[in-house]
Amino acid sequence: MSTATSEEDLTEDEYAGLELVRETGGIHQSDFWKQLDVSSRKGSRIIESLVEKELVQRQETVYDGHNTYFVTPAARDLDFSLLMAGDMLSPFIGEEEIDPESDAFSQWIMNLAYEE
């Protein structure tokens, strides 16, 4: 049974912590509580709650000579398979506009055809 939760169920502190982890892409627990301006104990509780709710992941590490955790956003069962053709990612993913008559798009379509 999954304990994943929606963000609407978070406390104000949990939401602020989740946003910090997402904005940084990953943060050491020792920096997390300092940046949130909470005690280390409260910071640990926030992270523990976010881990239990499957919103962040943490991994043991050494930082500034101390054992701590590195906290990263949780990968939420994302399925990119619909964007793939073989090992090619859709050319429509990105900032630039793609010409549907371009070589990149043609190659991607050809790879889709060869997958079956």
C-alpha atoms as a PDB file:
ATOM      1  CA  MET A   1       0.000   0.000   0.000  1.00  0.00           C
ATOM      2  CA  SER A   2       1.452   3.360  -0.991  1.00  0.00           C
ATOM      3  CA  THR A   3       1.628   6.214   1.480  1.00  0.00           C
ATOM      4  CA  ALA A   4       1.989   8.822  -1.272  1.00  0.00           C
ATOM      5  CA  THR A   5       0.021  11.955  -0.542  1.00  0.00           C
ATOM      6  CA  SER A   6      -1.065  15.045  -2.378  1.00  0.00           C
ATOM      7  CA  GLU A   7       0.616  18.352  -1.696  1.00  0.00           C
ATOM      8  CA  GLU A   8      -2.653  19.822  -0.389  1.00  0.00           C
ATOM      9  CA  ASP A   9      -2.302  17.579   2.688  1.00  0.00           C
ATOM     10  CA  LEU A  10       1.050  19.089   3.705  1.00  0.00           C
ATOM     11  CA  THR A  11       1.625  21.416   6.616  1.00  0.00           C
ATOM     12  CA  GLU A  12       3.022  24.858   5.830  1.00  0.00           C
ATOM     13  CA  ASP A  13       6.492  23.736   7.001  1.00  0.00           C
ATOM     14  CA  GLU A  14       6.365  20.534   4.949  1.00  0.00           C
ATOM     15  CA  TYR A  15       5.339  22.462   1.840  1.00  0.00           C
ATOM     16  CA  ALA A  16       8.163  24.993   2.365  1.00  0.00           C
ATOM     17  CA  GLY A  17      10.605  22.107   2.812  1.00  0.00           C
ATOM     18  CA  LEU A  18       9.375  20.344  -0.323  1.00  0.00           C
ATOM     19  CA  GLU A  19       9.707  23.560  -2.338  1.00  0.00           C
ATOM     20  CA  LEU A  20      13.274  24.047  -1.042  1.00  0.00           C
ATOM     21  CA  VAL A  21      14.246  20.508  -2.070  1.00  0.00           C
ATOM     22  CA  ARG A  22      12.677  20.976  -5.499  1.00  0.00           C
ATOM     23  CA  GLU A  23      14.241  24.408  -6.085  1.00  0.00           C
ATOM     24  CA  THR A  24      17.725  23.180  -5.144  1.00  0.00           C
ATOM     25  CA  GLY A  25      17.338  19.837  -6.911  1.00  0.00           C
ATOM     26  CA  GLY A  26      18.829  18.283  -3.772  1.00  0.00           C
ATOM     27  CA  ILE A  27      20.147  19.599  -0.470  1.00  0.00           C
ATOM     28  CA  HIS A  28      22.104  18.309   2.504  1.00  0.00           C
ATOM     29  CA  GLN A  29      19.913  17.918   5.575  1.00  0.00           C
ATOM     30  CA  SER A  30      22.332  20.119   7.555  1.00  0.00           C
ATOM     31  CA  ASP A  31      21.691  22.992   5.103  1.00  0.00           C
ATOM     32  CA  PHE A  32      17.977  22.216   4.790  1.00  0.00           C
ATOM     33  CA  TRP A  33      17.004  23.229   8.310  1.00  0.00           C
ATOM     34  CA  LYS A  34      19.280  26.289   8.255  1.00  0.00           C
ATOM     35  CA  GLN A  35      17.716  27.580   5.026  1.00  0.00           C
ATOM     36  CA  LEU A  36      14.210  26.951   6.380  1.00  0.00           C
ATOM     37  CA  ASP A  37      15.229  28.744   9.579  1.00  0.00           C
ATOM     38  CA  VAL A  38      14.019  25.920  11.828  1.00  0.00           C
ATOM     39  CA  SER A  39      15.814  23.820  14.460  1.00  0.00           C
ATOM     40  CA  SER A  40      17.747  20.767  13.298  1.00  0.00           C
ATOM     41  CA  ARG A  41      15.227  18.620  15.170  1.00  0.00           C
ATOM     42  CA  LYS A  42      12.269  20.233  13.385  1.00  0.00           C
ATOM     43  CA  GLY A  43      14.108  20.012  10.039  1.00  0.00           C
ATOM     44  CA  SER A  44      14.673  16.289  10.612  1.00  0.00           C
ATOM     45  CA  ARG A  45      10.977  15.801  11.384  1.00  0.00           C
ATOM     46  CA  ILE A  46       9.945  17.669   8.247  1.00  0.00           C
ATOM     47  CA  ILE A  47      12.238  15.536   6.089  1.00  0.00           C
ATOM     48  CA  GLU A  48      11.088  12.333   7.800  1.00  0.00           C
ATOM     49  CA  SER A  49       7.476  13.256   7.075  1.00  0.00           C
ATOM     50  CA  LEU A  50       8.235  14.081   3.424  1.00  0.00           C
ATOM     51  CA  VAL A  51      10.089  10.749   3.038  1.00  0.00           C
ATOM     52  CA  GLU A  52       7.130   8.856   4.542  1.00  0.00           C
ATOM     53  CA  LYS A  53       4.801  10.653   2.125  1.00  0.00           C
ATOM     54  CA  GLU A  54       7.125   9.660  -0.751  1.00  0.00           C
ATOM     55  CA  LEU A  55       7.691  13.279  -1.806  1.00  0.00           C
ATOM     56  CA  VAL A  56      11.465  13.257  -1.226  1.00  0.00           C
ATOM     57  CA  GLN A  57      14.219  10.666  -1.003  1.00  0.00           C
ATOM     58  CA  ARG A  58      17.243  10.794   1.257  1.00  0.00           C
ATOM     59  CA  GLN A  59      20.584   9.084   1.111  1.00  0.00           C
ATOM     60  CA  GLU A  60      23.288   8.886   3.777  1.00  0.00           C
ATOM     61  CA  THR A  61      26.379  10.914   2.957  1.00  0.00           C
ATOM     62  CA  VAL A  62      29.309  12.750   4.554  1.00  0.00           C
ATOM     63  CA  TYR A  63      29.271  16.552   4.257  1.00  0.00           C
ATOM     64  CA  ASP A  64      31.832  18.890   5.859  1.00  0.00           C
ATOM     65  CA  GLY A  65      33.217  15.883   7.721  1.00  0.00           C
ATOM     66  CA  HIS A  66      29.879  14.967   9.309  1.00  0.00           C
ATOM     67  CA  ASN A  67      27.418  12.177   8.604  1.00  0.00           C
ATOM     68  CA  THR A  68      24.202  13.621   7.214  1.00  0.00           C
ATOM     69  CA  TYR A  69      21.635  12.960   4.544  1.00  0.00           C
ATOM     70  CA  PHE A  70      21.327  14.302   1.014  1.00  0.00           C
ATOM     71  CA  VAL A  71      17.665  14.954   0.267  1.00  0.00           C
ATOM     72  CA  THR A  72      16.344  14.943  -3.324  1.00  0.00           C
ATOM     73  CA  PRO A  73      12.891  15.241  -4.911  1.00  0.00           C
ATOM     74  CA  ALA A  74      11.209  11.859  -5.315  1.00  0.00           C
ATOM     75  CA  ALA A  75      10.808  10.456  -8.802  1.00  0.00           C
ATOM     76  CA  ARG A  76       7.071   9.822  -9.013  1.00  0.00           C
ATOM     77  CA  ASP A  77       6.707   6.785 -11.257  1.00  0.00           C
ATOM     78  CA  LEU A  78       7.124   8.931 -14.335  1.00  0.00           C
ATOM     79  CA  ASP A  79       6.639   7.111 -17.625  1.00  0.00           C
ATOM     80  CA  PHE A  80       8.525   8.670 -20.513  1.00  0.00           C
ATOM     81  CA  SER A  81       7.921   5.714 -22.830  1.00  0.00           C
ATOM     82  CA  LEU A  82       5.324   7.616 -24.874  1.00  0.00           C
ATOM     83  CA  LEU A  83       7.967  10.222 -25.712  1.00  0.00           C
ATOM     84  CA  MET A  84      10.440   7.623 -26.925  1.00  0.00           C
ATOM     85  CA  ALA A  85      10.990   5.980 -30.267  1.00  0.00           C
ATOM     86  CA  GLY A  86      13.649   3.356 -29.741  1.00  0.00           C
ATOM     87  CA  ASP A  87      16.346   5.257 -27.881  1.00  0.00           C
ATOM     88  CA  MET A  88      15.344   8.643 -29.347  1.00  0.00           C
ATOM     89  CA  LEU A  89      13.434  11.193 -27.285  1.00  0.00           C
ATOM     90  CA  SER A  90      10.740  13.109 -29.153  1.00  0.00           C
ATOM     91  CA  PRO A  91      12.180  16.187 -30.864  1.00  0.00           C
ATOM     92  CA  PHE A  92       9.163  18.134 -29.596  1.00  0.00           C
ATOM     93  CA  ILE A  93      10.566  18.038 -26.055  1.00  0.00           C
ATOM     94  CA  GLY A  94      12.604  21.173 -25.526  1.00  0.00           C
ATOM     95  CA  GLU A  95      12.663  24.901 -25.975  1.00  0.00           C
ATOM     96  CA  GLU A  96      13.081  25.238 -29.732  1.00  0.00           C
ATOM     97  CA  GLU A  97      10.294  24.912 -32.250  1.00  0.00           C
ATOM     98  CA  ILE A  98      10.532  21.818 -34.451  1.00  0.00           C
ATOM     99  CA  ASP A  99       9.638  21.770 -38.106  1.00  0.00           C
ATOM    100  CA  PRO A 100       7.468  18.665 -38.710  1.00  0.00           C
ATOM    101  CA  GLU A 101       9.279  18.244 -42.025  1.00  0.00           C
ATOM    102  CA  SER A 102      12.715  18.258 -40.381  1.00  0.00           C
ATOM    103  CA  ASP A 103      15.161  15.344 -40.417  1.00  0.00           C
ATOM    104  CA  ALA A 104      14.954  15.026 -36.614  1.00  0.00           C
ATOM    105  CA  PHE A 105      11.206  14.513 -36.705  1.00  0.00           C
ATOM    106  CA  SER A 106      11.408  12.150 -39.698  1.00  0.00           C
ATOM    107  CA  GLN A 107      14.023  10.001 -37.934  1.00  0.00           C
ATOM    108  CA  TRP A 108      11.907   9.860 -34.772  1.00  0.00           C
ATOM    109  CA  ILE A 109       8.832   8.772 -36.777  1.00  0.00           C
ATOM    110  CA  MET A 110      10.893   6.132 -38.586  1.00  0.00           C
ATOM    111  CA  ASN A 111      12.077   4.767 -35.244  1.00  0.00           C
ATOM    112  CA  LEU A 112       8.453   4.542 -34.104  1.00  0.00           C
ATOM    113  CA  ALA A 113       7.615   2.502 -37.181  1.00  0.00           C
ATOM    114  CA  TYR A 114      10.547   0.114 -36.593  1.00  0.00           C
ATOM    115  CA  GLU A 115       9.616  -0.572 -32.962  1.00  0.00           C
ATOM    116  CA  GLU A 116       6.725  -2.840 -33.896  1.00  0.00           C
END
